[in-house]
Amino acid sequence: MGTFKIEGGHQLKGSIQPQGAKNEALQILCAVLLTPELVTINNIPDIIDVNKLINLLRKLGVKVEKINKGSYTFQADEVDLDYLESDAFKVDGRGLRGSIMIVGPLLARFGKGYIPKPGGDKIGRRRLDTHFEGLINLGAKFKYSKEDQFYGVEAEYLTGTYMLLEEASVTGTANIVMAAVLARGTTTIYNAACEPYLQQLCKMLNRMGAKISGVGSNMLIIEGVEALGGTEHRMLPDMIEIGSWVGLAAMTKSELTISNVSWNDLGVIPSVFRKLGITVEKQGDDIHIPAHTNGYEIQSYIDGSILTISDAPWPGFTPDLLSIILVVATQARGSVLIHQKMFESRLFFVDKLIDMGAKIILCDPHRATVIGHDFKSTLKATTMTSPDIRAGVSLLIAALSAKGTSTIQNIEQIDRGYENIDDRLRAIGAKIERVD
């Protein structure tokens, strides 16, 4: 198990480039299964979860070649369908939640798709019903083995239909879209997710020959086609990482520039940080955060009531950044209520921040009130364990702002979502060491 040793209390300075988007990569990589032709993908992040999926595609028989850093070609012209029913696949597929999105493409192109119950962050219940209900609506027959928790869908062919999703699941929408592009007839998906990463998937599929309209809205209309061809695609920068660097700059009173952020795809993220009093400056397609030497003050509502920051499906505020917002609020001037609506276990890391001296009241599994220190009392260094990707980075930011040397264990969780994070932080002045 790896460990980070962090000497906190140092100001950082410089420029940092966000990696390619993890959540987009998991969708885009699965889409290569839809065509036997060559697909080139650029700006792929070198992180554990993405590398696991690339290795899973290799074992499925996809020909994978690395062109250079972050750029790969994929060709799924000799897919090994027998591997899907092997014991090895039941082990390999279980180690990554993103593996669920191979089901739609495999079903559409080969008439069957299987997956063991996938893993991922322990942040609460994350149902798979939306995925399979959508595929059943397209005409697939659902199979489930309770003994080894193995799911499957099969169909001679898929037929387009109208469906209203129970929840605007991003991965669920992606799976259904990838199945529907090769279905017979027209599919309408209402209450579809409309995140930028889902938009990227739809744009890529359209370049491959799909006919998807309504991209960017919550109603997608898909006219099925007989086959898809190859394409080249470049992934967006990771908006969660961009938000993490904004929070890091504020907590360490550092002047940082975040380069090439694809500003138009950030949605409400900059405005939410501004509500905490953080100066977020747009400089071309960069974000500049000046050093907050006098701290930052949380806004109140116009009637004077306490600010509430909550998550919601896009274009609402992403749940992946609520942990960062909570940590940043611990040193703000004022108070804020954090309301995590979408996952019931994501606030359970706050006890570690309380141990560091943060003033946080955990109201229930979904709500926490943070009373900021206004930097009059620094957080104290401590030993912590990273419970999931986003909480792990939040604790890392807290440690970089704290007085003394902190230790964060189980950093494999952080490595699942952040590429070479210790090297990149050292480049802007952080005192961080990786100990294996």
Protein backbone atom coordinates (compact mmCIF):
# COMPACT_ATOMS: atom_id res chain seq x y z
CA MET A 1 0.00 0.00 0.00
CA GLY A 2 1.44 3.38 -1.03
CA THR A 3 1.67 6.43 1.20
CA PHE A 4 2.12 10.17 0.69
CA LYS A 5 4.17 12.19 3.19
CA ILE A 6 3.22 15.85 2.89
CA GLU A 7 4.89 18.82 4.52
CA GLY A 8 2.15 21.43 4.60
CA GLY A 9 2.05 25.17 4.99
CA HIS A 10 3.98 26.10 1.82
CA GLN A 11 2.78 28.50 -0.85
CA LEU A 12 2.79 27.09 -4.37
CA LYS A 13 3.37 28.96 -7.61
CA GLY A 14 3.30 28.25 -11.31
CA SER A 15 1.20 26.68 -14.01
CA ILE A 16 -0.45 23.28 -14.09
CA GLN A 17 -1.99 21.46 -17.06
CA PRO A 18 -5.11 19.37 -16.37
CA GLN A 19 -5.08 15.77 -17.54
CA GLY A 20 -7.60 14.29 -19.95
CA ALA A 21 -11.01 13.66 -18.44
CA LYS A 22 -11.28 10.35 -16.58
CA ASN A 23 -15.07 10.11 -16.83
CA GLU A 24 -15.00 10.83 -20.55
CA ALA A 25 -12.25 8.29 -21.14
CA LEU A 26 -14.26 5.44 -19.64
CA GLN A 27 -17.10 6.11 -22.12
CA ILE A 28 -14.97 6.83 -25.19
CA LEU A 29 -12.80 3.74 -24.77
CA CYS A 30 -15.84 1.46 -24.65
CA ALA A 31 -17.13 3.00 -27.89
CA VAL A 32 -14.19 1.56 -29.86
CA LEU A 33 -16.01 -1.80 -29.65
CA LEU A 34 -18.71 -0.48 -32.01
CA THR A 35 -16.55 -0.66 -35.15
CA PRO A 36 -13.97 -2.99 -36.70
CA GLU A 37 -12.17 0.06 -38.08
CA LEU A 38 -9.27 1.98 -36.52
CA VAL A 39 -10.07 4.55 -33.82
CA THR A 40 -7.44 7.02 -32.58
CA ILE A 41 -7.93 8.67 -29.18
CA ASN A 42 -5.80 11.51 -27.82
CA ASN A 43 -5.35 13.05 -24.37
CA ILE A 44 -6.00 9.80 -22.51
CA PRO A 45 -5.02 10.16 -18.83
CA ASP A 46 -2.42 7.73 -17.51
CA ILE A 47 -4.36 6.65 -14.42
CA ILE A 48 -5.21 3.30 -12.85
CA ASP A 49 -8.91 3.16 -13.77
CA VAL A 50 -8.31 4.05 -17.42
CA ASN A 51 -5.34 1.67 -17.74
CA LYS A 52 -7.47 -1.14 -16.30
CA LEU A 53 -10.08 -0.54 -18.99
CA ILE A 54 -7.45 -0.47 -21.75
CA ASN A 55 -6.09 -3.81 -20.48
CA LEU A 56 -9.64 -5.21 -20.40
CA LEU A 57 -10.09 -4.20 -24.06
CA ARG A 58 -6.79 -5.92 -24.91
CA LYS A 59 -8.00 -9.14 -23.28
CA LEU A 60 -11.20 -8.84 -25.31
CA GLY A 61 -9.04 -9.00 -28.42
CA VAL A 62 -8.93 -5.29 -29.27
CA LYS A 63 -5.63 -4.34 -30.91
CA VAL A 64 -4.18 -1.48 -28.85
CA GLU A 65 -1.13 0.52 -29.85
CA LYS A 66 0.38 3.46 -27.99
CA ILE A 67 1.43 6.22 -30.42
CA ASN A 68 2.88 8.55 -27.81
CA LYS A 69 1.99 9.90 -24.37
CA GLY A 70 -1.78 9.99 -24.06
CA SER A 71 -2.44 8.84 -27.65
CA TYR A 72 -3.52 5.33 -28.64
CA THR A 73 -5.06 3.52 -31.58
CA PHE A 74 -7.71 0.83 -31.08
CA GLN A 75 -9.02 -1.71 -33.57
CA ALA A 76 -11.77 -4.13 -32.55
CA ASP A 77 -11.79 -6.29 -35.68
CA GLU A 78 -11.13 -9.60 -33.87
CA VAL A 79 -13.10 -9.45 -30.62
CA ASP A 80 -12.87 -12.62 -28.51
CA LEU A 81 -16.47 -13.20 -27.39
CA ASP A 82 -15.49 -16.41 -25.54
CA TYR A 83 -13.50 -14.30 -23.08
CA LEU A 84 -16.79 -12.67 -21.96
CA GLU A 85 -17.93 -15.94 -20.39
CA SER A 86 -14.58 -16.92 -18.89
CA ASP A 87 -13.64 -16.95 -15.22
CA ALA A 88 -10.83 -14.52 -16.02
CA PHE A 89 -13.33 -11.94 -17.30
CA LYS A 90 -15.41 -12.29 -14.14
CA VAL A 91 -12.33 -11.24 -12.17
CA ASP A 92 -11.05 -8.56 -14.57
CA GLY A 93 -14.41 -6.86 -15.10
CA ARG A 94 -15.19 -6.71 -11.38
CA GLY A 95 -12.24 -4.43 -10.64
CA LEU A 96 -13.58 -1.36 -12.45
CA ARG A 97 -16.98 0.29 -12.39
CA GLY A 98 -16.48 1.79 -15.86
CA SER A 99 -16.45 -1.73 -17.32
CA ILE A 100 -20.27 -1.67 -17.26
CA MET A 101 -20.16 0.47 -20.43
CA ILE A 102 -18.79 -2.33 -22.59
CA VAL A 103 -22.21 -4.01 -22.40
CA GLY A 104 -24.09 -1.63 -24.75
CA PRO A 105 -21.51 -1.69 -27.57
CA LEU A 106 -21.07 -5.48 -27.37
CA LEU A 107 -24.84 -6.05 -27.39
CA ALA A 108 -25.33 -3.72 -30.36
CA ARG A 109 -22.58 -5.20 -32.51
CA PHE A 110 -22.43 -8.85 -31.45
CA GLY A 111 -25.86 -9.55 -29.96
CA LYS A 112 -24.64 -10.20 -26.43
CA GLY A 113 -22.93 -8.40 -23.60
CA TYR A 114 -21.93 -9.60 -20.13
CA ILE A 115 -20.43 -8.02 -17.05
CA PRO A 116 -19.74 -9.07 -13.43
CA LYS A 117 -20.98 -6.73 -10.75
CA PRO A 118 -18.47 -3.87 -11.11
CA GLY A 119 -16.46 -2.22 -8.35
CA GLY A 120 -15.47 1.43 -7.93
CA ASP A 121 -15.66 3.98 -5.14
CA LYS A 122 -17.51 3.07 -1.94
CA ILE A 123 -19.64 6.22 -1.95
CA GLY A 124 -23.09 4.69 -1.60
CA ARG A 125 -25.49 2.71 -3.75
CA ARG A 126 -25.00 3.13 -7.49
CA ARG A 127 -27.73 1.21 -9.25
CA LEU A 128 -27.30 -0.52 -12.59
CA ASP A 129 -31.06 -0.60 -13.26
CA THR A 130 -30.98 2.34 -15.68
CA HIS A 131 -28.42 0.56 -17.86
CA PHE A 132 -30.29 -2.72 -18.15
CA GLU A 133 -33.82 -1.29 -18.28
CA GLY A 134 -32.74 0.82 -21.25
CA LEU A 135 -31.21 -2.17 -23.04
CA ILE A 136 -34.32 -4.27 -22.30
CA ASN A 137 -36.45 -1.48 -23.82
CA LEU A 138 -34.40 -1.88 -27.01
CA GLY A 139 -35.36 -5.55 -27.14
CA ALA A 140 -32.63 -7.31 -25.17
CA LYS A 141 -33.29 -10.26 -22.87
CA PHE A 142 -31.81 -9.85 -19.39
CA LYS A 143 -29.94 -12.66 -17.59
CA TYR A 144 -28.56 -12.62 -14.06
CA SER A 145 -26.66 -15.22 -12.09
CA LYS A 146 -27.16 -14.47 -8.39
CA GLU A 147 -24.50 -16.99 -7.38
CA ASP A 148 -21.58 -15.16 -9.01
CA GLN A 149 -23.32 -11.79 -9.53
CA PHE A 150 -22.94 -11.97 -13.30
CA TYR A 151 -25.18 -9.87 -15.55
CA GLY A 152 -25.95 -10.45 -19.22
CA VAL A 153 -28.10 -9.16 -22.08
CA GLU A 154 -28.71 -10.87 -25.40
CA ALA A 155 -30.64 -9.97 -28.56
CA GLU A 156 -30.73 -11.13 -32.17
CA TYR A 157 -31.18 -7.45 -33.03
CA LEU A 158 -32.21 -4.25 -31.24
CA THR A 159 -35.24 -2.12 -32.12
CA GLY A 160 -35.49 1.62 -31.58
CA THR A 161 -38.12 2.84 -29.12
CA TYR A 162 -39.09 5.75 -26.84
CA MET A 163 -37.88 5.62 -23.26
CA LEU A 164 -38.05 7.91 -20.24
CA LEU A 165 -35.12 7.26 -17.91
CA GLU A 166 -35.85 7.07 -14.17
CA GLU A 167 -32.61 8.93 -13.47
CA ALA A 168 -30.30 10.99 -15.66
CA SER A 169 -27.45 8.52 -15.23
CA VAL A 170 -24.36 9.50 -17.22
CA THR A 171 -23.00 5.98 -17.64
CA GLY A 172 -26.51 4.60 -18.12
CA THR A 173 -27.23 7.11 -20.88
CA ALA A 174 -23.86 6.35 -22.50
CA ASN A 175 -24.55 2.60 -22.50
CA ILE A 176 -28.03 3.02 -24.01
CA VAL A 177 -26.78 5.49 -26.66
CA MET A 178 -24.00 3.11 -27.72
CA ALA A 179 -26.53 0.30 -28.10
CA ALA A 180 -29.13 2.43 -29.90
CA VAL A 181 -26.79 3.72 -32.63
CA LEU A 182 -26.86 0.25 -34.28
CA ALA A 183 -30.52 -0.54 -33.50
CA ARG A 184 -33.22 -0.80 -36.16
CA GLY A 185 -35.37 2.34 -36.28
CA THR A 186 -35.38 5.45 -34.12
CA THR A 187 -34.70 5.64 -30.38
CA THR A 188 -35.75 8.60 -28.24
CA ILE A 189 -34.14 8.92 -24.81
CA TYR A 190 -35.84 11.47 -22.53
CA ASN A 191 -34.26 12.56 -19.22
CA ALA A 192 -30.92 11.69 -20.78
CA ALA A 193 -27.74 12.89 -19.09
CA CYS A 194 -26.25 15.88 -20.91
CA GLU A 195 -22.80 16.28 -19.30
CA PRO A 196 -20.02 17.57 -21.61
CA TYR A 197 -18.44 14.12 -21.53
CA LEU A 198 -21.67 12.52 -22.80
CA GLN A 199 -21.81 15.22 -25.47
CA GLN A 200 -18.27 14.28 -26.45
CA LEU A 201 -19.33 10.64 -26.84
CA CYS A 202 -22.27 11.61 -29.06
CA LYS A 203 -20.09 13.85 -31.23
CA MET A 204 -17.54 11.06 -31.64
CA LEU A 205 -20.26 8.55 -32.58
CA ASN A 206 -21.69 11.00 -35.14
CA ARG A 207 -18.24 11.29 -36.73
CA MET A 208 -18.22 7.49 -36.93
CA GLY A 209 -21.48 7.58 -38.88
CA ALA A 210 -24.16 7.57 -36.16
CA LYS A 211 -27.20 9.84 -36.43
CA ILE A 212 -27.72 11.42 -33.00
CA SER A 213 -29.60 14.71 -32.58
CA GLY A 214 -30.39 16.74 -29.47
CA VAL A 215 -26.79 16.53 -28.25
CA GLY A 216 -26.43 18.72 -25.16
CA SER A 217 -30.11 18.47 -24.23
CA ASN A 218 -31.96 15.92 -22.08
CA MET A 219 -33.72 14.45 -25.11
CA LEU A 220 -31.60 12.46 -27.53
CA ILE A 221 -33.02 11.15 -30.80
CA ILE A 222 -31.00 8.36 -32.42
CA GLU A 223 -31.64 6.99 -35.89
CA GLY A 224 -30.07 3.56 -36.05
CA VAL A 225 -27.48 2.82 -38.74
CA GLU A 226 -26.13 -0.49 -40.04
CA ALA A 227 -22.45 0.07 -39.20
CA LEU A 228 -19.98 2.61 -37.83
CA GLY A 229 -16.52 3.51 -39.11
CA GLY A 230 -13.27 4.71 -37.58
CA THR A 231 -12.47 8.21 -36.34
CA GLU A 232 -10.05 10.32 -34.31
CA HIS A 233 -11.05 11.90 -31.02
CA ARG A 234 -9.47 14.19 -28.44
CA MET A 235 -10.74 14.19 -24.90
CA LEU A 236 -11.60 17.28 -22.88
CA PRO A 237 -9.52 18.34 -19.86
CA ASP A 238 -10.78 16.88 -16.60
CA MET A 239 -13.15 19.37 -14.96
CA ILE A 240 -12.84 17.61 -11.59
CA GLU A 241 -9.09 18.04 -11.64
CA ILE A 242 -9.49 21.69 -12.66
CA GLY A 243 -11.76 22.26 -9.66
CA SER A 244 -9.27 20.45 -7.43
CA TRP A 245 -6.49 22.85 -8.47
CA VAL A 246 -8.73 25.88 -7.84
CA GLY A 247 -9.37 24.60 -4.32
CA LEU A 248 -5.68 23.85 -3.78
CA ALA A 249 -4.69 27.39 -4.78
CA ALA A 250 -7.20 28.95 -2.37
CA MET A 251 -6.32 26.72 0.60
CA THR A 252 -2.57 27.29 0.24
CA LYS A 253 -2.90 31.03 -0.59
CA SER A 254 -1.05 30.31 -3.82
CA GLU A 255 -1.00 32.01 -7.19
CA LEU A 256 -1.69 29.35 -9.80
CA THR A 257 -2.59 29.24 -13.48
CA ILE A 258 -4.55 26.26 -14.76
CA SER A 259 -3.88 25.97 -18.49
CA ASN A 260 -6.21 24.99 -21.34
CA VAL A 261 -9.31 24.29 -19.25
CA SER A 262 -11.95 24.34 -22.06
CA TRP A 263 -13.75 27.11 -20.19
CA ASN A 264 -17.04 26.69 -22.06
CA ASP A 265 -17.36 23.13 -20.74
CA LEU A 266 -16.95 24.05 -17.05
CA GLY A 267 -20.58 25.04 -16.50
CA VAL A 268 -21.28 26.45 -13.01
CA ILE A 269 -17.95 25.30 -11.50
CA PRO A 270 -16.26 28.76 -11.59
CA SER A 271 -19.35 30.50 -10.16
CA VAL A 272 -19.64 28.03 -7.26
CA PHE A 273 -16.02 28.69 -6.23
CA ARG A 274 -16.72 32.42 -6.50
CA LYS A 275 -19.59 31.98 -4.03
CA LEU A 276 -16.94 30.87 -1.53
CA GLY A 277 -15.14 34.17 -2.17
CA ILE A 278 -12.43 32.72 -4.41
CA THR A 279 -11.22 34.88 -7.29
CA VAL A 280 -11.42 32.83 -10.50
CA GLU A 281 -10.07 34.84 -13.44
CA LYS A 282 -10.59 33.84 -17.07
CA GLN A 283 -7.47 34.46 -19.14
CA GLY A 284 -8.13 33.19 -22.64
CA ASP A 285 -8.76 29.48 -22.09
CA ASP A 286 -6.80 29.48 -18.82
CA ILE A 287 -7.91 30.00 -15.22
CA HIS A 288 -5.78 32.26 -13.05
CA ILE A 289 -6.11 32.13 -9.26
CA PRO A 290 -4.31 35.01 -7.51
CA ALA A 291 -2.83 34.45 -4.05
CA HIS A 292 -5.62 34.95 -1.50
CA THR A 293 -3.36 36.57 1.09
CA ASN A 294 -6.36 38.07 2.90
CA GLY A 295 -8.41 34.90 2.72
CA TYR A 296 -11.82 34.52 1.09
CA GLU A 297 -15.35 35.18 2.33
CA ILE A 298 -18.41 33.02 1.74
CA GLN A 299 -21.35 34.84 0.22
CA SER A 300 -24.80 34.78 1.81
CA TYR A 301 -28.13 34.68 0.02
CA ILE A 302 -29.73 38.09 -0.57
CA ASP A 303 -32.00 37.57 2.46
CA GLY A 304 -28.92 36.95 4.64
CA SER A 305 -29.48 33.20 5.09
CA ILE A 306 -26.60 30.71 5.04
CA LEU A 307 -25.30 29.64 1.64
CA THR A 308 -26.11 26.07 0.59
CA ILE A 309 -24.02 24.28 -2.04
CA SER A 310 -25.53 21.07 -3.36
CA ASP A 311 -24.92 18.68 -6.21
CA ALA A 312 -27.23 17.91 -9.13
CA PRO A 313 -27.10 16.32 -12.58
CA TRP A 314 -25.59 18.57 -15.27
CA PRO A 315 -25.92 21.50 -15.70
CA GLY A 316 -26.01 21.47 -11.91
CA PHE A 317 -22.87 21.28 -9.77
CA THR A 318 -21.02 17.98 -10.10
CA PRO A 319 -21.03 15.75 -6.98
CA ASP A 320 -17.36 14.92 -7.61
CA LEU A 321 -16.34 18.43 -6.48
CA LEU A 322 -18.41 18.71 -3.30
CA SER A 323 -15.58 17.14 -1.27
CA ILE A 324 -13.21 19.83 -2.57
CA ILE A 325 -15.73 22.59 -1.78
CA LEU A 326 -16.12 21.26 1.75
CA VAL A 327 -12.37 21.29 2.41
CA VAL A 328 -11.94 24.78 0.94
CA ALA A 329 -14.77 26.06 3.16
CA THR A 330 -12.87 25.01 6.32
CA GLN A 331 -10.58 28.06 5.93
CA ALA A 332 -13.14 30.50 4.53
CA ARG A 333 -14.62 33.50 6.34
CA GLY A 334 -18.20 32.50 7.13
CA SER A 335 -20.27 29.34 7.07
CA VAL A 336 -21.81 27.11 4.40
CA LEU A 337 -24.12 24.10 4.30
CA ILE A 338 -22.88 21.31 2.01
CA HIS A 339 -25.72 19.10 0.77
CA GLN A 340 -24.62 15.89 -0.96
CA LYS A 341 -27.86 14.68 -2.54
CA MET A 342 -26.69 12.02 -4.97
CA PHE A 343 -24.54 9.66 -2.82
CA GLU A 344 -25.15 8.80 0.82
CA SER A 345 -21.60 7.88 1.89
CA ARG A 346 -19.51 10.62 0.36
CA LEU A 347 -19.34 12.87 3.42
CA PHE A 348 -18.02 10.20 5.76
CA PHE A 349 -14.45 11.46 5.36
CA VAL A 350 -15.18 14.64 7.36
CA ASP A 351 -14.14 12.98 10.63
CA LYS A 352 -10.56 13.13 9.34
CA LEU A 353 -10.90 16.88 8.75
CA ILE A 354 -12.38 17.31 12.24
CA ASP A 355 -9.30 15.51 13.61
CA MET A 356 -7.21 18.15 11.82
CA GLY A 357 -9.12 20.91 13.62
CA ALA A 358 -11.82 21.77 11.08
CA LYS A 359 -15.14 23.01 12.41
CA ILE A 360 -17.67 20.74 10.70
CA ILE A 361 -21.04 19.52 11.92
CA LEU A 362 -22.12 16.36 10.11
CA CYS A 363 -25.89 16.77 10.23
CA ASP A 364 -26.67 13.41 8.56
CA PRO A 365 -25.16 11.28 5.76
CA HIS A 366 -26.08 13.95 3.20
CA ARG A 367 -25.46 17.30 4.93
CA ALA A 368 -22.56 18.99 6.66
CA THR A 369 -22.27 22.53 8.01
CA VAL A 370 -18.80 24.05 7.78
CA ILE A 371 -17.73 26.99 9.95
CA GLY A 372 -14.64 28.50 8.38
CA HIS A 373 -11.48 29.37 10.34
CA ASP A 374 -10.60 32.38 8.14
CA PHE A 375 -6.96 31.12 8.40
CA LYS A 376 -6.84 32.30 12.04
CA SER A 377 -6.31 28.68 13.00
CA THR A 378 -4.50 26.36 10.61
CA LEU A 379 -5.38 22.71 10.19
CA LYS A 380 -3.11 20.30 12.07
CA ALA A 381 -1.06 17.59 10.38
CA THR A 382 -2.21 14.04 10.96
CA THR A 383 -2.22 10.49 9.56
CA MET A 384 -5.14 9.65 7.27
CA THR A 385 -6.38 6.99 4.87
CA SER A 386 -7.88 7.83 1.49
CA PRO A 387 -11.39 6.30 1.29
CA ASP A 388 -12.10 7.15 -2.38
CA ILE A 389 -10.67 9.23 -5.24
CA ARG A 390 -12.30 12.59 -4.50
CA ALA A 391 -12.13 12.40 -0.71
CA GLY A 392 -8.48 11.37 -1.07
CA VAL A 393 -7.60 14.49 -3.05
CA SER A 394 -9.59 16.64 -0.63
CA LEU A 395 -7.51 15.26 2.25
CA LEU A 396 -4.36 15.88 0.19
CA ILE A 397 -5.36 19.54 -0.25
CA ALA A 398 -6.04 19.78 3.49
CA ALA A 399 -2.60 18.29 4.24
CA LEU A 400 -0.85 20.74 1.89
CA SER A 401 -2.44 23.63 3.79
CA ALA A 402 -1.87 22.16 7.27
CA LYS A 403 0.96 22.93 9.63
CA GLY A 404 3.41 20.05 9.98
CA THR A 405 3.87 16.74 8.16
CA SER A 406 0.85 14.61 7.31
CA THR A 407 0.65 11.04 6.05
CA ILE A 408 -2.01 9.77 3.65
CA GLN A 409 -2.28 6.01 3.23
CA ASN A 410 -4.09 3.97 0.56
CA ILE A 411 -3.05 6.49 -2.10
CA GLU A 412 -3.91 3.96 -4.82
CA GLN A 413 -7.38 5.48 -4.52
CA ILE A 414 -5.96 8.88 -5.56
CA ASP A 415 -3.90 7.30 -8.35
CA ARG A 416 -7.11 5.87 -9.79
CA GLY A 417 -8.15 9.36 -10.84
CA TYR A 418 -5.10 11.68 -10.86
CA GLU A 419 -2.11 11.23 -13.15
CA ASN A 420 1.34 11.45 -11.46
CA ILE A 421 -0.15 13.84 -8.93
CA ASP A 422 2.92 13.97 -6.69
CA ASP A 423 5.30 14.84 -9.57
CA ARG A 424 2.98 17.56 -10.82
CA LEU A 425 2.54 19.05 -7.36
CA ARG A 426 6.29 19.09 -6.73
CA ALA A 427 6.69 21.03 -10.00
CA ILE A 428 4.72 23.92 -8.48
CA GLY A 429 6.51 23.82 -5.11
CA ALA A 430 4.65 21.24 -3.03
CA LYS A 431 6.59 19.23 -0.44
CA ILE A 432 5.21 15.75 -1.13
CA GLU A 433 6.93 12.37 -1.15
CA ARG A 434 5.64 9.00 -2.28
CA VAL A 435 6.61 6.09 -0.01
CA ASP A 436 5.90 2.54 -1.21
